[in-house]
Amino acid sequence: MEISKALGNPTRLNILKWIRNPEQNFPEQDLGHYEDGVCASFIKNKTSLSQPTISTFLAMMEKADLLISTRHGKWTYFKRNEKVLKEYAEEIRKNY
Protein backbone atom coordinates (compact mmCIF):
# COMPACT_ATOMS: atom_id res chain seq x y z
CA MET A 1 0.00 0.00 0.00
CA GLU A 2 1.55 3.28 -1.13
CA ILE A 3 0.02 5.28 1.71
CA SER A 4 1.63 3.13 4.38
CA LYS A 5 4.97 3.36 2.62
CA ALA A 6 4.68 7.15 2.34
CA LEU A 7 3.82 7.40 6.03
CA GLY A 8 6.77 5.23 7.02
CA ASN A 9 9.13 8.17 7.47
CA PRO A 10 9.06 10.66 10.38
CA THR A 11 9.77 13.66 8.15
CA ARG A 12 6.89 12.82 5.83
CA LEU A 13 4.61 12.44 8.85
CA ASN A 14 5.78 15.83 10.11
CA ILE A 15 5.04 17.40 6.73
CA LEU A 16 1.44 16.18 7.01
CA LYS A 17 1.20 17.56 10.56
CA TRP A 18 2.67 20.93 9.58
CA ILE A 19 0.46 21.33 6.53
CA ARG A 20 -2.62 20.61 8.63
CA ASN A 21 -2.15 24.02 10.33
CA PRO A 22 -0.05 26.04 7.89
CA GLU A 23 -0.67 29.42 9.57
CA GLN A 24 0.98 28.09 12.74
CA ASN A 25 3.87 26.29 11.05
CA PHE A 26 4.98 28.40 8.09
CA PRO A 27 5.71 32.05 7.32
CA GLU A 28 3.21 34.13 5.37
CA GLN A 29 3.24 33.30 1.67
CA ASP A 30 3.28 35.64 -1.31
CA LEU A 31 -0.23 34.42 -2.14
CA GLY A 32 -1.41 35.76 1.21
CA HIS A 33 -3.41 32.60 1.92
CA TYR A 34 -3.05 28.82 2.16
CA GLU A 35 -6.09 27.78 0.10
CA ASP A 36 -3.82 26.11 -2.47
CA GLY A 37 -1.47 24.76 0.18
CA VAL A 38 2.06 25.51 1.33
CA CYS A 39 4.89 26.42 -1.04
CA ALA A 40 7.35 23.55 -1.46
CA SER A 41 10.24 25.90 -0.64
CA PHE A 42 8.73 26.60 2.81
CA ILE A 43 8.43 22.86 3.43
CA LYS A 44 12.04 22.37 2.37
CA ASN A 45 13.25 25.16 4.66
CA LYS A 46 11.37 23.76 7.65
CA THR A 47 12.87 20.28 7.22
CA SER A 48 16.43 21.48 6.56
CA LEU A 49 16.76 18.66 4.02
CA SER A 50 18.03 19.07 0.47
CA GLN A 51 15.73 20.18 -2.31
CA PRO A 52 16.03 16.84 -4.18
CA THR A 53 15.13 14.91 -1.01
CA ILE A 54 12.08 17.07 -0.30
CA SER A 55 11.00 16.85 -3.94
CA THR A 56 11.20 13.06 -3.73
CA PHE A 57 9.23 13.03 -0.46
CA LEU A 58 6.52 15.33 -1.81
CA ALA A 59 6.23 13.38 -5.07
CA MET A 60 5.88 10.13 -3.14
CA MET A 61 3.18 11.61 -0.92
CA GLU A 62 1.35 13.04 -3.94
CA LYS A 63 1.54 9.69 -5.75
CA ALA A 64 -0.03 8.07 -2.67
CA ASP A 65 -2.81 10.73 -2.86
CA LEU A 66 -1.88 12.14 0.55
CA LEU A 67 -1.11 15.56 -0.97
CA ILE A 68 -2.65 17.67 -3.71
CA SER A 69 -0.38 20.03 -5.63
CA THR A 70 -1.22 23.32 -7.33
CA ARG A 71 1.17 25.29 -9.55
CA HIS A 72 1.42 29.08 -9.53
CA GLY A 73 4.04 30.06 -12.08
CA LYS A 74 7.26 28.32 -11.15
CA TRP A 75 6.09 27.52 -7.60
CA THR A 76 4.27 24.40 -6.41
CA TYR A 77 1.99 24.44 -3.40
CA PHE A 78 0.92 21.36 -1.46
CA LYS A 79 -2.11 20.71 0.72
CA ARG A 80 -3.39 17.62 2.45
CA ASN A 81 -5.90 15.39 0.71
CA GLU A 82 -8.29 15.22 3.66
CA LYS A 83 -10.66 12.81 1.90
CA VAL A 84 -7.95 10.18 1.40
CA LEU A 85 -6.52 10.71 4.89
CA LYS A 86 -9.97 10.23 6.42
CA GLU A 87 -10.62 7.08 4.36
CA TYR A 88 -7.23 5.65 5.32
CA ALA A 89 -7.77 6.35 9.02
CA GLU A 90 -11.20 4.71 8.84
CA GLU A 91 -9.75 1.63 7.15
CA ILE A 92 -7.09 1.37 9.87
CA ARG A 93 -9.75 1.66 12.58
CA LYS A 94 -11.91 -1.04 11.01
CA ASN A 95 -9.21 -3.54 10.12
CA TYR A 96 -6.53 -3.17 12.75
C-alpha atoms as a PDB file:
ATOM      1  CA  MET A   1       0.000   0.000   0.000  1.00  0.00           C
ATOM      2  CA  GLU A   2       1.552   3.281  -1.125  1.00  0.00           C
ATOM      3  CA  ILE A   3       0.022   5.279   1.705  1.00  0.00           C
ATOM      4  CA  SER A   4       1.629   3.125   4.381  1.00  0.00           C
ATOM      5  CA  LYS A   5       4.967   3.363   2.617  1.00  0.00           C
ATOM      6  CA  ALA A   6       4.680   7.149   2.342  1.00  0.00           C
ATOM      7  CA  LEU A   7       3.817   7.405   6.031  1.00  0.00           C
ATOM      8  CA  GLY A   8       6.770   5.234   7.022  1.00  0.00           C
ATOM      9  CA  ASN A   9       9.126   8.173   7.466  1.00  0.00           C
ATOM     10  CA  PRO A  10       9.059  10.656  10.376  1.00  0.00           C
ATOM     11  CA  THR A  11       9.773  13.662   8.154  1.00  0.00           C
ATOM     12  CA  ARG A  12       6.888  12.821   5.826  1.00  0.00           C
ATOM     13  CA  LEU A  13       4.608  12.438   8.851  1.00  0.00           C
ATOM     14  CA  ASN A  14       5.781  15.834  10.112  1.00  0.00           C
ATOM     15  CA  ILE A  15       5.038  17.397   6.734  1.00  0.00           C
ATOM     16  CA  LEU A  16       1.435  16.184   7.006  1.00  0.00           C
ATOM     17  CA  LYS A  17       1.204  17.562  10.555  1.00  0.00           C
ATOM     18  CA  TRP A  18       2.674  20.933   9.584  1.00  0.00           C
ATOM     19  CA  ILE A  19       0.458  21.329   6.525  1.00  0.00           C
ATOM     20  CA  ARG A  20      -2.616  20.614   8.631  1.00  0.00           C
ATOM     21  CA  ASN A  21      -2.152  24.024  10.331  1.00  0.00           C
ATOM     22  CA  PRO A  22      -0.054  26.039   7.890  1.00  0.00           C
ATOM     23  CA  GLU A  23      -0.668  29.416   9.567  1.00  0.00           C
ATOM     24  CA  GLN A  24       0.984  28.092  12.737  1.00  0.00           C
ATOM     25  CA  ASN A  25       3.870  26.287  11.051  1.00  0.00           C
ATOM     26  CA  PHE A  26       4.976  28.395   8.086  1.00  0.00           C
ATOM     27  CA  PRO A  27       5.710  32.052   7.322  1.00  0.00           C
ATOM     28  CA  GLU A  28       3.209  34.128   5.367  1.00  0.00           C
ATOM     29  CA  GLN A  29       3.244  33.297   1.668  1.00  0.00           C
ATOM     30  CA  ASP A  30       3.284  35.637  -1.311  1.00  0.00           C
ATOM     31  CA  LEU A  31      -0.227  34.420  -2.143  1.00  0.00           C
ATOM     32  CA  GLY A  32      -1.413  35.764   1.206  1.00  0.00           C
ATOM     33  CA  HIS A  33      -3.408  32.599   1.922  1.00  0.00           C
ATOM     34  CA  TYR A  34      -3.055  28.818   2.160  1.00  0.00           C
ATOM     35  CA  GLU A  35      -6.090  27.776   0.097  1.00  0.00           C
ATOM     36  CA  ASP A  36      -3.821  26.112  -2.470  1.00  0.00           C
ATOM     37  CA  GLY A  37      -1.470  24.756   0.176  1.00  0.00           C
ATOM     38  CA  VAL A  38       2.061  25.515   1.333  1.00  0.00           C
ATOM     39  CA  CYS A  39       4.885  26.424  -1.035  1.00  0.00           C
ATOM     40  CA  ALA A  40       7.351  23.555  -1.461  1.00  0.00           C
ATOM     41  CA  SER A  41      10.243  25.897  -0.644  1.00  0.00           C
ATOM     42  CA  PHE A  42       8.730  26.596   2.805  1.00  0.00           C
ATOM     43  CA  ILE A  43       8.427  22.863   3.430  1.00  0.00           C
ATOM     44  CA  LYS A  44      12.043  22.370   2.365  1.00  0.00           C
ATOM     45  CA  ASN A  45      13.249  25.156   4.660  1.00  0.00           C
ATOM     46  CA  LYS A  46      11.367  23.758   7.652  1.00  0.00           C
ATOM     47  CA  THR A  47      12.870  20.283   7.225  1.00  0.00           C
ATOM     48  CA  SER A  48      16.435  21.480   6.564  1.00  0.00           C
ATOM     49  CA  LEU A  49      16.759  18.663   4.019  1.00  0.00           C
ATOM     50  CA  SER A  50      18.029  19.068   0.471  1.00  0.00           C
ATOM     51  CA  GLN A  51      15.731  20.183  -2.315  1.00  0.00           C
ATOM     52  CA  PRO A  52      16.026  16.840  -4.177  1.00  0.00           C
ATOM     53  CA  THR A  53      15.126  14.914  -1.013  1.00  0.00           C
ATOM     54  CA  ILE A  54      12.079  17.072  -0.304  1.00  0.00           C
ATOM     55  CA  SER A  55      11.001  16.850  -3.944  1.00  0.00           C
ATOM     56  CA  THR A  56      11.197  13.057  -3.732  1.00  0.00           C
ATOM     57  CA  PHE A  57       9.228  13.034  -0.459  1.00  0.00           C
ATOM     58  CA  LEU A  58       6.516  15.334  -1.805  1.00  0.00           C
ATOM     59  CA  ALA A  59       6.229  13.383  -5.069  1.00  0.00           C
ATOM     60  CA  MET A  60       5.881  10.128  -3.138  1.00  0.00           C
ATOM     61  CA  MET A  61       3.181  11.610  -0.923  1.00  0.00           C
ATOM     62  CA  GLU A  62       1.354  13.037  -3.939  1.00  0.00           C
ATOM     63  CA  LYS A  63       1.541   9.690  -5.748  1.00  0.00           C
ATOM     64  CA  ALA A  64      -0.031   8.071  -2.672  1.00  0.00           C
ATOM     65  CA  ASP A  65      -2.811  10.734  -2.860  1.00  0.00           C
ATOM     66  CA  LEU A  66      -1.883  12.144   0.547  1.00  0.00           C
ATOM     67  CA  LEU A  67      -1.106  15.556  -0.973  1.00  0.00           C
ATOM     68  CA  ILE A  68      -2.647  17.671  -3.710  1.00  0.00           C
ATOM     69  CA  SER A  69      -0.382  20.032  -5.626  1.00  0.00           C
ATOM     70  CA  THR A  70      -1.216  23.318  -7.334  1.00  0.00           C
ATOM     71  CA  ARG A  71       1.168  25.294  -9.550  1.00  0.00           C
ATOM     72  CA  HIS A  72       1.420  29.078  -9.530  1.00  0.00           C
ATOM     73  CA  GLY A  73       4.037  30.058 -12.085  1.00  0.00           C
ATOM     74  CA  LYS A  74       7.257  28.322 -11.145  1.00  0.00           C
ATOM     75  CA  TRP A  75       6.089  27.516  -7.596  1.00  0.00           C
ATOM     76  CA  THR A  76       4.269  24.401  -6.414  1.00  0.00           C
ATOM     77  CA  TYR A  77       1.987  24.443  -3.400  1.00  0.00           C
ATOM     78  CA  PHE A  78       0.917  21.363  -1.458  1.00  0.00           C
ATOM     79  CA  LYS A  79      -2.111  20.708   0.716  1.00  0.00           C
ATOM     80  CA  ARG A  80      -3.393  17.623   2.446  1.00  0.00           C
ATOM     81  CA  ASN A  81      -5.901  15.389   0.708  1.00  0.00           C
ATOM     82  CA  GLU A  82      -8.288  15.220   3.655  1.00  0.00           C
ATOM     83  CA  LYS A  83     -10.657  12.806   1.905  1.00  0.00           C
ATOM     84  CA  VAL A  84      -7.948  10.179   1.397  1.00  0.00           C
ATOM     85  CA  LEU A  85      -6.520  10.708   4.893  1.00  0.00           C
ATOM     86  CA  LYS A  86      -9.969  10.235   6.419  1.00  0.00           C
ATOM     87  CA  GLU A  87     -10.620   7.077   4.362  1.00  0.00           C
ATOM     88  CA  TYR A  88      -7.226   5.645   5.321  1.00  0.00           C
ATOM     89  CA  ALA A  89      -7.772   6.350   9.016  1.00  0.00           C
ATOM     90  CA  GLU A  90     -11.203   4.710   8.845  1.00  0.00           C
ATOM     91  CA  GLU A  91      -9.746   1.632   7.148  1.00  0.00           C
ATOM     92  CA  ILE A  92      -7.089   1.370   9.868  1.00  0.00           C
ATOM     93  CA  ARG A  93      -9.751   1.660  12.583  1.00  0.00           C
ATOM     94  CA  LYS A  94     -11.913  -1.043  11.011  1.00  0.00           C
ATOM     95  CA  ASN A  95      -9.206  -3.541  10.124  1.00  0.00           C
ATOM     96  CA  TYR A  96      -6.528  -3.167  12.751  1.00  0.00           C
END
